[in-house]
Amino acid sequence: MKNRDLIRILKEYNFVLVRSNGHSIYSNSIKTVAIPNHMEHSKGLIRRIFQQMGLNKEQIQKYI
C-alpha cells in the first residue's frame, strides 16, 4: 500500500498528524500510531498499523 493511501485511511478514522521525524506520528486523542516514512508499506506492516488503530478483522480485510 502506498503511503498516501495509508494517510487517507488514517484521516477517515479521525487520526491527525502530531509530528514527523523518522516516523510520522498520528493520533486520534485515544490511540497513537507511528508510520514509517516509506513510499510503500508491506501487508504485514499495514495489518499491524490497523490493529493498533483498533480496527476489527472485517475492516482490515476491506483495505488489504
PDB file of N, CA and C in Angstrom:
ATOM      1  N   MET A   1       0.840  -1.168   0.000  1.00  0.00           N
ATOM      2  CA  MET A   1       0.000   0.000   0.000  1.00  0.00           C
ATOM      3  C   MET A   1       0.889   1.237   0.000  1.00  0.00           C
ATOM      4  N   LYS A   2       0.510   2.205  -0.781  1.00  0.00           N
ATOM      5  CA  LYS A   2       1.278   3.445  -0.843  1.00  0.00           C
ATOM      6  C   LYS A   2       1.029   4.287   0.406  1.00  0.00           C
ATOM      7  N   ASN A   3       2.020   5.077   0.750  1.00  0.00           N
ATOM      8  CA  ASN A   3       1.962   5.907   1.951  1.00  0.00           C
ATOM      9  C   ASN A   3       0.772   6.870   1.908  1.00  0.00           C
ATOM     10  N   ARG A   4       0.508   7.474   0.753  1.00  0.00           N
ATOM     11  CA  ARG A   4      -0.590   8.441   0.664  1.00  0.00           C
ATOM     12  C   ARG A   4      -1.949   7.771   0.872  1.00  0.00           C
ATOM     13  N   ASP A   5      -2.089   6.501   0.448  1.00  0.00           N
ATOM     14  CA  ASP A   5      -3.335   5.769   0.674  1.00  0.00           C
ATOM     15  C   ASP A   5      -3.524   5.475   2.159  1.00  0.00           C
ATOM     16  N   LEU A   6      -2.438   5.112   2.836  1.00  0.00           N
ATOM     17  CA  LEU A   6      -2.497   4.854   4.268  1.00  0.00           C
ATOM     18  C   LEU A   6      -2.883   6.117   5.034  1.00  0.00           C
ATOM     19  N   ILE A   7      -2.319   7.247   4.648  1.00  0.00           N
ATOM     20  CA  ILE A   7      -2.635   8.516   5.316  1.00  0.00           C
ATOM     21  C   ILE A   7      -4.101   8.881   5.093  1.00  0.00           C
ATOM     22  N   ARG A   8      -4.621   8.615   3.910  1.00  0.00           N
ATOM     23  CA  ARG A   8      -6.030   8.878   3.619  1.00  0.00           C
ATOM     24  C   ARG A   8      -6.935   8.056   4.537  1.00  0.00           C
ATOM     25  N   ILE A   9      -6.574   6.782   4.753  1.00  0.00           N
ATOM     26  CA  ILE A   9      -7.349   5.910   5.635  1.00  0.00           C
ATOM     27  C   ILE A   9      -7.260   6.398   7.076  1.00  0.00           C
ATOM     28  N   LEU A  10      -6.078   6.810   7.512  1.00  0.00           N
ATOM     29  CA  LEU A  10      -5.929   7.347   8.865  1.00  0.00           C
ATOM     30  C   LEU A  10      -6.843   8.546   9.070  1.00  0.00           C
ATOM     31  N   LYS A  11      -6.916   9.421   8.084  1.00  0.00           N
ATOM     32  CA  LYS A  11      -7.762  10.613   8.193  1.00  0.00           C
ATOM     33  C   LYS A  11      -9.244  10.246   8.227  1.00  0.00           C
ATOM     34  N   GLU A  12      -9.633   9.161   7.528  1.00  0.00           N
ATOM     35  CA  GLU A  12     -11.020   8.690   7.576  1.00  0.00           C
ATOM     36  C   GLU A  12     -11.422   8.313   9.002  1.00  0.00           C
ATOM     37  N   TYR A  13     -10.462   7.817   9.778  1.00  0.00           N
ATOM     38  CA  TYR A  13     -10.722   7.405  11.162  1.00  0.00           C
ATOM     39  C   TYR A  13     -10.312   8.497  12.161  1.00  0.00           C
ATOM     40  N   ASN A  14     -10.262   9.734  11.689  1.00  0.00           N
ATOM     41  CA  ASN A  14     -10.018  10.918  12.528  1.00  0.00           C
ATOM     42  C   ASN A  14      -8.642  10.958  13.178  1.00  0.00           C
ATOM     43  N   PHE A  15      -7.649  10.357  12.560  1.00  0.00           N
ATOM     44  CA  PHE A  15      -6.276  10.476  13.037  1.00  0.00           C
ATOM     45  C   PHE A  15      -5.663  11.709  12.405  1.00  0.00           C
ATOM     46  N   VAL A  16      -4.949  12.488  13.189  1.00  0.00           N
ATOM     47  CA  VAL A  16      -4.287  13.693  12.699  1.00  0.00           C
ATOM     48  C   VAL A  16      -2.791  13.587  12.960  1.00  0.00           C
ATOM     49  N   LEU A  17      -2.012  14.255  12.136  1.00  0.00           N
ATOM     50  CA  LEU A  17      -0.561  14.254  12.267  1.00  0.00           C
ATOM     51  C   LEU A  17      -0.158  15.039  13.508  1.00  0.00           C
ATOM     52  N   VAL A  18       0.596  14.388  14.404  1.00  0.00           N
ATOM     53  CA  VAL A  18       1.087  15.034  15.615  1.00  0.00           C
ATOM     54  C   VAL A  18       2.479  15.586  15.370  1.00  0.00           C
ATOM     55  N   ARG A  19       3.353  14.748  14.819  1.00  0.00           N
ATOM     56  CA  ARG A  19       4.704  15.196  14.484  1.00  0.00           C
ATOM     57  C   ARG A  19       5.301  14.238  13.458  1.00  0.00           C
ATOM     58  N   SER A  20       6.356  14.700  12.819  1.00  0.00           N
ATOM     59  CA  SER A  20       7.009  13.887  11.807  1.00  0.00           C
ATOM     60  C   SER A  20       8.516  14.020  11.974  1.00  0.00           C
ATOM     61  N   ASN A  21       9.186  12.901  12.057  1.00  0.00           N
ATOM     62  CA  ASN A  21      10.638  12.865  12.161  1.00  0.00           C
ATOM     63  C   ASN A  21      11.080  11.687  11.307  1.00  0.00           C
ATOM     64  N   GLY A  22      11.599  10.635  11.883  1.00  0.00           N
ATOM     65  CA  GLY A  22      11.898   9.415  11.148  1.00  0.00           C
ATOM     66  C   GLY A  22      10.620   8.648  10.866  1.00  0.00           C
ATOM     67  N   HIS A  23       9.625   8.856  11.704  1.00  0.00           N
ATOM     68  CA  HIS A  23       8.295   8.281  11.562  1.00  0.00           C
ATOM     69  C   HIS A  23       7.290   9.430  11.655  1.00  0.00           C
ATOM     70  N   SER A  24       6.153   9.233  11.047  1.00  0.00           N
ATOM     71  CA  SER A  24       5.057  10.188  11.214  1.00  0.00           C
ATOM     72  C   SER A  24       4.168   9.648  12.321  1.00  0.00           C
ATOM     73  N   ILE A  25       3.862  10.456  13.306  1.00  0.00           N
ATOM     74  CA  ILE A  25       3.054  10.053  14.442  1.00  0.00           C
ATOM     75  C   ILE A  25       1.650  10.629  14.258  1.00  0.00           C
ATOM     76  N   TYR A  26       0.656   9.738  14.239  1.00  0.00           N
ATOM     77  CA  TYR A  26      -0.740  10.134  14.098  1.00  0.00           C
ATOM     78  C   TYR A  26      -1.491   9.741  15.358  1.00  0.00           C
ATOM     79  N   SER A  27      -2.459  10.577  15.741  1.00  0.00           N
ATOM     80  CA  SER A  27      -3.240  10.301  16.950  1.00  0.00           C
ATOM     81  C   SER A  27      -4.678  10.752  16.735  1.00  0.00           C
ATOM     82  N   ASN A  28      -5.599  10.066  17.432  1.00  0.00           N
ATOM     83  CA  ASN A  28      -6.999  10.494  17.433  1.00  0.00           C
ATOM     84  C   ASN A  28      -7.435  10.810  18.860  1.00  0.00           C
ATOM     85  N   SER A  29      -6.505  11.177  19.721  1.00  0.00           N
ATOM     86  CA  SER A  29      -6.667  11.516  21.142  1.00  0.00           C
ATOM     87  C   SER A  29      -6.940  10.299  22.020  1.00  0.00           C
ATOM     88  N   ILE A  30      -7.171   9.139  21.429  1.00  0.00           N
ATOM     89  CA  ILE A  30      -7.327   7.902  22.202  1.00  0.00           C
ATOM     90  C   ILE A  30      -6.171   6.958  21.899  1.00  0.00           C
ATOM     91  N   LYS A  31      -5.879   6.793  20.619  1.00  0.00           N
ATOM     92  CA  LYS A  31      -4.813   5.894  20.177  1.00  0.00           C
ATOM     93  C   LYS A  31      -3.792   6.682  19.371  1.00  0.00           C
ATOM     94  N   THR A  32      -2.552   6.199  19.406  1.00  0.00           N
ATOM     95  CA  THR A  32      -1.461   6.810  18.657  1.00  0.00           C
ATOM     96  C   THR A  32      -0.761   5.725  17.860  1.00  0.00           C
ATOM     97  N   VAL A  33      -0.470   6.020  16.596  1.00  0.00           N
ATOM     98  CA  VAL A  33       0.250   5.077  15.747  1.00  0.00           C
ATOM     99  C   VAL A  33       1.427   5.779  15.089  1.00  0.00           C
ATOM    100  N   ALA A  34       2.501   5.029  14.871  1.00  0.00           N
ATOM    101  CA  ALA A  34       3.697   5.545  14.200  1.00  0.00           C
ATOM    102  C   ALA A  34       3.773   4.912  12.817  1.00  0.00           C
ATOM    103  N   ILE A  35       3.933   5.743  11.814  1.00  0.00           N
ATOM    104  CA  ILE A  35       4.004   5.293  10.428  1.00  0.00           C
ATOM    105  C   ILE A  35       5.406   5.589   9.901  1.00  0.00           C
ATOM    106  N   PRO A  36       6.157   4.562   9.470  1.00  0.00           N
ATOM    107  CA  PRO A  36       7.481   4.822   8.899  1.00  0.00           C
ATOM    108  C   PRO A  36       7.355   5.650   7.620  1.00  0.00           C
ATOM    109  N   ASN A  37       8.311   6.504   7.379  1.00  0.00           N
ATOM    110  CA  ASN A  37       8.288   7.338   6.179  1.00  0.00           C
ATOM    111  C   ASN A  37       8.868   6.561   5.001  1.00  0.00           C
ATOM    112  N   HIS A  38       8.063   5.652   4.453  1.00  0.00           N
ATOM    113  CA  HIS A  38       8.424   4.860   3.278  1.00  0.00           C
ATOM    114  C   HIS A  38       7.440   5.195   2.173  1.00  0.00           C
ATOM    115  N   MET A  39       7.820   4.932   0.949  1.00  0.00           N
ATOM    116  CA  MET A  39       6.907   5.159  -0.171  1.00  0.00           C
ATOM    117  C   MET A  39       5.855   4.049  -0.245  1.00  0.00           C
ATOM    118  N   GLU A  40       6.232   2.841   0.123  1.00  0.00           N
ATOM    119  CA  GLU A  40       5.355   1.673   0.016  1.00  0.00           C
ATOM    120  C   GLU A  40       5.460   0.875   1.314  1.00  0.00           C
ATOM    121  N   HIS A  41       4.318   0.326   1.791  1.00  0.00           N
ATOM    122  CA  HIS A  41       4.298  -0.451   3.030  1.00  0.00           C
ATOM    123  C   HIS A  41       3.834  -1.880   2.734  1.00  0.00           C
ATOM    124  N   SER A  42       4.410  -2.857   3.432  1.00  0.00           N
ATOM    125  CA  SER A  42       4.042  -4.253   3.239  1.00  0.00           C
ATOM    126  C   SER A  42       2.688  -4.536   3.889  1.00  0.00           C
ATOM    127  N   LYS A  43       2.074  -5.644   3.473  1.00  0.00           N
ATOM    128  CA  LYS A  43       0.777  -6.028   4.034  1.00  0.00           C
ATOM    129  C   LYS A  43       0.864  -6.292   5.522  1.00  0.00           C
ATOM    130  N   GLY A  44       1.950  -6.913   5.974  1.00  0.00           N
ATOM    131  CA  GLY A  44       2.121  -7.205   7.393  1.00  0.00           C
ATOM    132  C   GLY A  44       2.193  -5.933   8.224  1.00  0.00           C
ATOM    133  N   LEU A  45       2.924  -4.941   7.749  1.00  0.00           N
ATOM    134  CA  LEU A  45       3.026  -3.666   8.460  1.00  0.00           C
ATOM    135  C   LEU A  45       1.675  -2.954   8.479  1.00  0.00           C
ATOM    136  N   ILE A  46       0.976  -2.965   7.359  1.00  0.00           N
ATOM    137  CA  ILE A  46      -0.339  -2.330   7.282  1.00  0.00           C
ATOM    138  C   ILE A  46      -1.294  -3.000   8.265  1.00  0.00           C
ATOM    139  N   ARG A  47      -1.271  -4.312   8.317  1.00  0.00           N
ATOM    140  CA  ARG A  47      -2.137  -5.055   9.245  1.00  0.00           C
ATOM    141  C   ARG A  47      -1.843  -4.654  10.692  1.00  0.00           C
ATOM    142  N   ARG A  48      -0.571  -4.547  11.054  1.00  0.00           N
ATOM    143  CA  ARG A  48      -0.209  -4.163  12.432  1.00  0.00           C
ATOM    144  C   ARG A  48      -0.640  -2.733  12.745  1.00  0.00           C
ATOM    145  N   ILE A  49      -0.489  -1.848  11.786  1.00  0.00           N
ATOM    146  CA  ILE A  49      -0.912  -0.460  11.991  1.00  0.00           C
ATOM    147  C   ILE A  49      -2.423  -0.399  12.201  1.00  0.00           C
ATOM    148  N   PHE A  50      -3.178  -1.128  11.373  1.00  0.00           N
ATOM    149  CA  PHE A  50      -4.632  -1.137  11.516  1.00  0.00           C
ATOM    150  C   PHE A  50      -5.058  -1.752  12.849  1.00  0.00           C
ATOM    151  N   GLN A  51      -4.343  -2.768  13.311  1.00  0.00           N
ATOM    152  CA  GLN A  51      -4.652  -3.354  14.624  1.00  0.00           C
ATOM    153  C   GLN A  51      -4.396  -2.329  15.725  1.00  0.00           C
ATOM    154  N   GLN A  52      -3.314  -1.558  15.616  1.00  0.00           N
ATOM    155  CA  GLN A  52      -3.030  -0.517  16.596  1.00  0.00           C
ATOM    156  C   GLN A  52      -4.107   0.562  16.581  1.00  0.00           C
ATOM    157  N   MET A  53      -4.700   0.797  15.416  1.00  0.00           N
ATOM    158  CA  MET A  53      -5.776   1.780  15.298  1.00  0.00           C
ATOM    159  C   MET A  53      -7.062   1.282  15.945  1.00  0.00           C
ATOM    160  N   GLY A  54      -7.168  -0.025  16.170  1.00  0.00           N
ATOM    161  CA  GLY A  54      -8.358  -0.593  16.791  1.00  0.00           C
ATOM    162  C   GLY A  54      -9.377  -1.110  15.795  1.00  0.00           C
ATOM    163  N   LEU A  55      -8.959  -1.336  14.545  1.00  0.00           N
ATOM    164  CA  LEU A  55      -9.881  -1.853  13.545  1.00  0.00           C
ATOM    165  C   LEU A  55     -10.093  -3.345  13.755  1.00  0.00           C
ATOM    166  N   ASN A  56     -11.286  -3.835  13.426  1.00  0.00           N
ATOM    167  CA  ASN A  56     -11.547  -5.271  13.534  1.00  0.00           C
ATOM    168  C   ASN A  56     -11.138  -5.974  12.235  1.00  0.00           C
ATOM    169  N   LYS A  57     -11.232  -7.294  12.216  1.00  0.00           N
ATOM    170  CA  LYS A  57     -10.741  -8.079  11.078  1.00  0.00           C
ATOM    171  C   LYS A  57     -11.452  -7.741   9.778  1.00  0.00           C
ATOM    172  N   GLU A  58     -12.766  -7.488   9.838  1.00  0.00           N
ATOM    173  CA  GLU A  58     -13.519  -7.167   8.628  1.00  0.00           C
ATOM    174  C   GLU A  58     -13.053  -5.824   8.048  1.00  0.00           C
ATOM    175  N   GLN A  59     -12.810  -4.852   8.899  1.00  0.00           N
ATOM    176  CA  GLN A  59     -12.338  -3.549   8.426  1.00  0.00           C
ATOM    177  C   GLN A  59     -10.934  -3.664   7.837  1.00  0.00           C
ATOM    178  N   ILE A  60     -10.093  -4.475   8.453  1.00  0.00           N
ATOM    179  CA  ILE A  60      -8.724  -4.666   7.947  1.00  0.00           C
ATOM    180  C   ILE A  60      -8.760  -5.329   6.583  1.00  0.00           C
ATOM    181  N   GLN A  61      -9.594  -6.368   6.416  1.00  0.00           N
ATOM    182  CA  GLN A  61      -9.680  -7.081   5.147  1.00  0.00           C
ATOM    183  C   GLN A  61     -10.197  -6.179   4.017  1.00  0.00           C
ATOM    184  N   LYS A  62     -11.000  -5.197   4.372  1.00  0.00           N
ATOM    185  CA  LYS A  62     -11.540  -4.266   3.368  1.00  0.00           C
ATOM    186  C   LYS A  62     -10.411  -3.479   2.699  1.00  0.00           C
ATOM    187  N   TYR A  63      -9.342  -3.180   3.439  1.00  0.00           N
ATOM    188  CA  TYR A  63      -8.259  -2.358   2.911  1.00  0.00           C
ATOM    189  C   TYR A  63      -7.076  -3.151   2.384  1.00  0.00           C
ATOM    190  N   ILE A  64      -6.930  -4.401   2.810  1.00  0.00           N
ATOM    191  CA  ILE A  64      -5.751  -5.187   2.383  1.00  0.00           C
ATOM    192  C   ILE A  64      -6.046  -6.012   1.152  1.00  0.00           C
TER     193      ILE A  64
END
